[in-house]
Amino acid sequence: MEQSVTPLSRYRGVLEEMQLLAQRLLIFGMHVHVGVEDRTFAIDAMNVVRYLLPHILALSTSSPFWMGRQTGLKSYRANIFEDFPRSGISDAYRSLADYEALIKTLVNTGCVPDASKIWWDVRPHHQYPTLEFRVCDISTRVDEAIAIAALLQAIVLWLWNMRRKNITFRVYRRELIEENRWRAARYGLDGKLIDFGKSVEQPTRLLIRELLDLVAEEIDELGTAAHIKPIDSILDHGTSADRQLRIYSETGGDFMAVVDHLIAETKKGLS
């Protein structure tokens, strides 16, 4: 997982370019890096794993409020960040060369200085040999953050194991994935996602449990079953967003109570 301090000069550069959009970007997200040294595989994995990003977002929702208001969304952050260019769900790329041609065009035409300004929900990192997942809200429980990171690691290993067998998973259109991304941001675990293989809606919790079954062998291979176990609790009792909303409701709309809850919950995980 990534937790880094960005130099002030970079913030100033973003502020100069994005203007008011940057000033309202008072959001925080969790970035998970999974080591992938094979850049060709990184592109193939990115193409496939885009389909599962809404599932991961639903598990991590933690931003139901904005500027002192209840938004009606479980992840308002996911929509705020989409104001930025080159964000959200990427297109699929035919090859590593296809992806590199895009970056070259953007750099040569002055759109970006380098690939660090590609802010998709998942991307090959421009500097490290990793596939970087950027879709998650901040989990306010450390064990939940670790569980989501471990699940992403298992998903990448699952794709790698399939690649070794010369098979893969279907790649879906960006527009379809964006429909699920909206549903995840709006309803979190309480909504439905579209199973595009069957062309039907399914409860989000059901699809996440199916995902856990899908990568069960990889979880065993990695030895991370204990780390992923908190996902069962998330599915049974809700995410950080759900807990915040419960506190807000139980206290008659007391935002300070929500803040106190978040502080206490975060400190508990660090003790």
Protein backbone atom coordinates (compact mmCIF):
# COMPACT_ATOMS: atom_id res chain seq x y z
CA MET A 1 0.00 0.00 0.00
CA GLU A 2 1.14 3.52 -0.72
CA GLN A 3 1.22 6.31 1.82
CA SER A 4 3.50 9.05 0.62
CA VAL A 5 3.99 12.79 0.98
CA THR A 6 3.81 14.70 -2.28
CA PRO A 7 6.27 17.60 -2.63
CA LEU A 8 4.66 21.03 -2.33
CA SER A 9 5.91 21.94 -5.79
CA ARG A 10 3.82 19.18 -7.32
CA TYR A 11 0.71 20.41 -5.51
CA ARG A 12 1.36 23.89 -6.86
CA GLY A 13 1.71 22.48 -10.36
CA VAL A 14 -1.63 20.67 -10.09
CA LEU A 15 -3.27 23.78 -8.63
CA GLU A 16 -1.99 25.92 -11.48
CA GLU A 17 -3.25 23.50 -14.11
CA MET A 18 -6.56 22.42 -12.57
CA GLN A 19 -7.54 25.68 -10.85
CA LEU A 20 -10.81 25.37 -8.90
CA LEU A 21 -10.99 21.64 -9.56
CA ALA A 22 -7.78 21.21 -7.54
CA GLN A 23 -9.01 23.49 -4.76
CA ARG A 24 -12.09 21.33 -4.18
CA LEU A 25 -10.08 18.11 -4.24
CA LEU A 26 -10.21 17.70 -0.46
CA ILE A 27 -10.32 13.93 -0.69
CA PHE A 28 -8.14 11.00 0.27
CA GLY A 29 -7.84 7.57 -1.29
CA MET A 30 -5.94 4.36 -0.65
CA HIS A 31 -3.48 3.28 -3.35
CA VAL A 32 -2.43 -0.36 -3.48
CA HIS A 33 0.66 -1.41 -5.44
CA VAL A 34 1.00 -5.03 -6.53
CA GLY A 35 4.44 -5.92 -7.85
CA VAL A 36 4.36 -6.73 -11.58
CA GLU A 37 7.72 -6.63 -13.32
CA ASP A 38 6.38 -7.85 -16.67
CA ARG A 39 4.99 -4.66 -18.25
CA THR A 40 3.17 -6.60 -20.97
CA PHE A 41 1.34 -8.56 -18.31
CA ALA A 42 0.64 -5.33 -16.41
CA ILE A 43 -1.31 -4.02 -19.41
CA ASP A 44 -3.17 -7.30 -19.88
CA ALA A 45 -4.00 -7.42 -16.16
CA MET A 46 -5.18 -3.80 -16.19
CA ASN A 47 -7.50 -4.55 -19.09
CA VAL A 48 -9.15 -7.43 -17.25
CA VAL A 49 -9.15 -6.15 -13.67
CA ARG A 50 -11.05 -2.99 -14.63
CA TYR A 51 -14.19 -5.15 -14.47
CA LEU A 52 -13.62 -5.81 -10.76
CA LEU A 53 -12.87 -2.22 -9.72
CA PRO A 54 -16.52 -1.46 -8.80
CA HIS A 55 -16.52 -4.52 -6.53
CA ILE A 56 -13.42 -3.21 -4.74
CA LEU A 57 -14.85 0.31 -4.51
CA ALA A 58 -18.03 -1.04 -2.93
CA LEU A 59 -15.92 -2.79 -0.27
CA SER A 60 -13.99 0.36 0.59
CA THR A 61 -16.67 3.08 0.57
CA SER A 62 -15.90 5.67 3.23
CA SER A 63 -17.05 9.09 2.01
CA PRO A 64 -20.80 9.58 2.43
CA PHE A 65 -20.52 13.25 3.44
CA TRP A 66 -19.30 16.36 1.67
CA MET A 67 -19.03 19.94 2.93
CA GLY A 68 -21.24 19.26 5.92
CA ARG A 69 -23.96 17.48 3.97
CA GLN A 70 -25.11 13.90 3.59
CA THR A 71 -24.61 13.20 -0.11
CA GLY A 72 -26.78 10.13 -0.56
CA LEU A 73 -23.72 8.35 -1.95
CA LYS A 74 -21.49 5.85 -0.17
CA SER A 75 -18.39 7.13 -2.01
CA TYR A 76 -18.67 10.79 -2.93
CA ARG A 77 -14.90 10.87 -3.32
CA ALA A 78 -15.12 8.60 -6.37
CA ASN A 79 -17.19 11.20 -8.19
CA ILE A 80 -15.20 14.23 -7.03
CA PHE A 81 -12.00 12.83 -8.47
CA GLU A 82 -13.64 12.20 -11.84
CA ASP A 83 -13.57 15.99 -12.37
CA PHE A 84 -9.89 15.53 -13.21
CA PRO A 85 -8.91 14.53 -16.74
CA ARG A 86 -7.43 11.09 -17.35
CA SER A 87 -9.25 9.66 -14.33
CA GLY A 88 -11.80 6.92 -13.68
CA ILE A 89 -11.91 3.80 -15.81
CA SER A 90 -9.42 3.58 -18.65
CA ASP A 91 -9.96 2.14 -22.08
CA ALA A 92 -8.53 -1.30 -22.82
CA TYR A 93 -5.21 -1.41 -24.66
CA ARG A 94 -4.29 -3.91 -27.36
CA SER A 95 -0.69 -4.18 -26.19
CA LEU A 96 2.08 -2.52 -24.20
CA ALA A 97 3.08 -0.69 -27.37
CA ASP A 98 -0.47 0.64 -27.73
CA TYR A 99 -0.36 2.01 -24.17
CA GLU A 100 3.12 3.48 -24.62
CA ALA A 101 2.00 5.19 -27.83
CA LEU A 102 -0.76 6.93 -25.88
CA ILE A 103 1.70 8.15 -23.24
CA LYS A 104 4.12 9.33 -25.94
CA THR A 105 1.39 11.32 -27.67
CA LEU A 106 0.26 12.95 -24.44
CA VAL A 107 3.83 13.89 -23.53
CA ASN A 108 4.78 15.12 -27.01
CA THR A 109 1.69 17.32 -27.24
CA GLY A 110 2.26 18.91 -23.82
CA CYS A 111 -0.75 17.32 -22.15
CA VAL A 112 1.33 15.70 -19.41
CA PRO A 113 5.01 15.81 -18.40
CA ASP A 114 5.02 12.05 -17.89
CA ALA A 115 2.74 9.12 -17.05
CA SER A 116 2.44 10.26 -13.42
CA LYS A 117 -0.43 12.48 -14.58
CA ILE A 118 -2.45 9.45 -15.68
CA TRP A 119 -4.90 9.15 -12.78
CA TRP A 120 -6.95 6.10 -13.72
CA ASP A 121 -8.48 3.82 -11.08
CA VAL A 122 -5.84 1.26 -12.03
CA ARG A 123 -2.64 1.94 -13.95
CA PRO A 124 0.87 0.62 -14.49
CA HIS A 125 2.96 2.82 -12.25
CA HIS A 126 5.21 5.16 -14.19
CA GLN A 127 8.21 4.62 -11.89
CA TYR A 128 7.81 1.40 -9.93
CA PRO A 129 7.33 -2.13 -11.37
CA THR A 130 3.80 -2.31 -10.01
CA LEU A 131 0.18 -2.31 -11.01
CA GLU A 132 -1.31 0.51 -8.95
CA PHE A 133 -4.93 0.38 -7.79
CA ARG A 134 -6.33 3.83 -7.00
CA VAL A 135 -10.08 3.15 -6.82
CA CYS A 136 -10.42 2.71 -3.05
CA ASP A 137 -11.68 5.14 -0.46
CA ILE A 138 -9.66 5.28 2.75
CA SER A 139 -10.58 2.41 5.03
CA THR A 140 -10.84 3.66 8.59
CA ARG A 141 -9.98 0.25 10.04
CA VAL A 142 -6.47 -0.98 9.41
CA ASP A 143 -7.52 -4.62 9.18
CA GLU A 144 -10.02 -3.72 6.44
CA ALA A 145 -7.35 -1.84 4.49
CA ILE A 146 -5.05 -4.86 4.71
CA ALA A 147 -7.87 -7.18 3.65
CA ILE A 148 -8.64 -5.17 0.52
CA ALA A 149 -4.95 -4.97 -0.38
CA ALA A 150 -4.61 -8.73 0.07
CA LEU A 151 -7.64 -9.32 -2.14
CA LEU A 152 -6.13 -7.18 -4.90
CA GLN A 153 -2.89 -9.13 -4.61
CA ALA A 154 -4.81 -12.40 -4.98
CA ILE A 155 -6.67 -11.08 -8.02
CA VAL A 156 -3.41 -10.20 -9.79
CA LEU A 157 -1.97 -13.63 -8.96
CA TRP A 158 -5.17 -15.23 -10.32
CA LEU A 159 -4.66 -13.39 -13.60
CA TRP A 160 -1.00 -14.39 -13.67
CA ASN A 161 -1.86 -18.04 -13.08
CA MET A 162 -4.38 -17.90 -15.92
CA ARG A 163 -1.77 -16.33 -18.17
CA ARG A 164 0.62 -19.21 -17.46
CA LYS A 165 -2.14 -21.54 -18.67
CA ASN A 166 -2.58 -19.40 -21.81
CA ILE A 167 -6.11 -18.37 -20.83
CA THR A 168 -7.60 -15.10 -19.66
CA PHE A 169 -10.82 -13.41 -18.56
CA ARG A 170 -13.08 -11.45 -20.83
CA VAL A 171 -12.31 -7.74 -21.29
CA TYR A 172 -15.39 -5.51 -21.03
CA ARG A 173 -16.13 -2.09 -22.45
CA ARG A 174 -15.32 0.93 -20.34
CA GLU A 175 -18.89 2.23 -20.62
CA LEU A 176 -20.25 -0.95 -19.04
CA ILE A 177 -17.75 -0.90 -16.19
CA GLU A 178 -18.58 2.75 -15.52
CA GLU A 179 -22.22 1.79 -14.95
CA ASN A 180 -21.10 -0.55 -12.18
CA ARG A 181 -18.67 2.02 -10.83
CA TRP A 182 -21.54 4.49 -10.43
CA ARG A 183 -23.67 1.87 -8.68
CA ALA A 184 -20.82 1.05 -6.28
CA ALA A 185 -20.26 4.72 -5.45
CA ARG A 186 -23.97 5.39 -5.01
CA TYR A 187 -25.13 2.33 -3.10
CA GLY A 188 -21.99 0.61 -1.83
CA LEU A 189 -22.71 -2.93 -0.69
CA ASP A 190 -26.45 -2.32 -0.45
CA GLY A 191 -27.02 -2.05 -4.19
CA LYS A 192 -26.70 -4.29 -7.20
CA LEU A 193 -24.01 -4.60 -9.82
CA ILE A 194 -24.48 -5.90 -13.32
CA ASP A 195 -23.06 -9.33 -14.07
CA PHE A 196 -22.17 -8.60 -17.68
CA GLY A 197 -21.41 -12.23 -18.43
CA LYS A 198 -25.05 -13.06 -17.67
CA SER A 199 -26.50 -9.63 -18.51
CA VAL A 200 -28.38 -9.52 -15.20
CA GLU A 201 -28.30 -7.50 -11.99
CA GLN A 202 -26.98 -9.25 -8.92
CA PRO A 203 -26.67 -8.11 -5.30
CA THR A 204 -23.25 -6.58 -4.81
CA ARG A 205 -22.53 -8.72 -1.78
CA LEU A 206 -23.25 -11.88 -3.78
CA LEU A 207 -20.86 -10.87 -6.55
CA ILE A 208 -18.10 -10.08 -4.05
CA ARG A 209 -18.54 -13.46 -2.41
CA GLU A 210 -18.28 -15.03 -5.87
CA LEU A 211 -15.06 -13.06 -6.40
CA LEU A 212 -13.64 -14.43 -3.15
CA ASP A 213 -14.47 -17.96 -4.31
CA LEU A 214 -12.87 -17.24 -7.68
CA VAL A 215 -9.50 -16.39 -6.14
CA ALA A 216 -9.65 -18.89 -3.26
CA GLU A 217 -6.74 -20.95 -4.60
CA GLU A 218 -4.59 -17.85 -4.96
CA ILE A 219 -5.42 -16.77 -1.40
CA ASP A 220 -4.24 -20.18 -0.22
CA GLU A 221 -1.12 -19.93 -2.38
CA LEU A 222 -0.27 -16.55 -0.89
CA GLY A 223 -1.14 -17.64 2.64
CA THR A 224 -3.31 -14.55 3.18
CA ALA A 225 -6.61 -16.11 4.26
CA ALA A 226 -6.33 -14.59 7.75
CA HIS A 227 -5.64 -11.14 6.29
CA ILE A 228 -8.65 -11.35 3.96
CA LYS A 229 -11.00 -12.61 6.68
CA PRO A 230 -12.22 -9.09 7.66
CA ILE A 231 -13.98 -8.89 4.30
CA ASP A 232 -16.55 -11.30 5.72
CA SER A 233 -17.29 -8.77 8.45
CA ILE A 234 -17.54 -5.95 5.90
CA LEU A 235 -20.06 -7.95 3.90
CA ASP A 236 -22.06 -8.79 7.02
CA HIS A 237 -21.96 -5.42 8.80
CA GLY A 238 -21.09 -2.79 6.20
CA THR A 239 -18.22 -0.50 5.30
CA SER A 240 -16.85 2.61 6.97
CA ALA A 241 -19.45 4.64 5.07
CA ASP A 242 -22.23 2.50 6.55
CA ARG A 243 -20.85 2.91 10.06
CA GLN A 244 -20.57 6.69 9.63
CA LEU A 245 -24.16 6.88 8.41
CA ARG A 246 -25.36 4.82 11.37
CA ILE A 247 -23.65 7.16 13.83
CA TYR A 248 -25.09 10.16 12.00
CA SER A 249 -28.60 8.70 12.17
CA GLU A 250 -28.36 7.55 15.78
CA THR A 251 -27.16 10.98 16.96
CA GLY A 252 -29.76 12.97 15.06
CA GLY A 253 -27.32 14.30 12.48
CA ASP A 254 -24.39 15.15 14.76
CA PHE A 255 -21.31 15.51 12.54
CA MET A 256 -19.01 15.85 15.53
CA ALA A 257 -20.14 12.43 16.68
CA VAL A 258 -19.21 11.05 13.27
CA VAL A 259 -15.77 12.67 13.50
CA ASP A 260 -15.25 11.32 17.02
CA HIS A 261 -16.23 7.87 15.76
CA LEU A 262 -13.71 8.05 12.91
CA ILE A 263 -10.91 9.14 15.21
CA ALA A 264 -11.65 6.39 17.70
CA GLU A 265 -11.95 3.74 14.99
CA THR A 266 -8.68 4.72 13.34
CA LYS A 267 -6.78 4.89 16.65
CA LYS A 268 -8.10 1.48 17.65
CA GLY A 269 -6.58 -0.09 14.58
CA LEU A 270 -3.20 1.47 15.27
CA SER A 271 -2.96 0.43 18.91
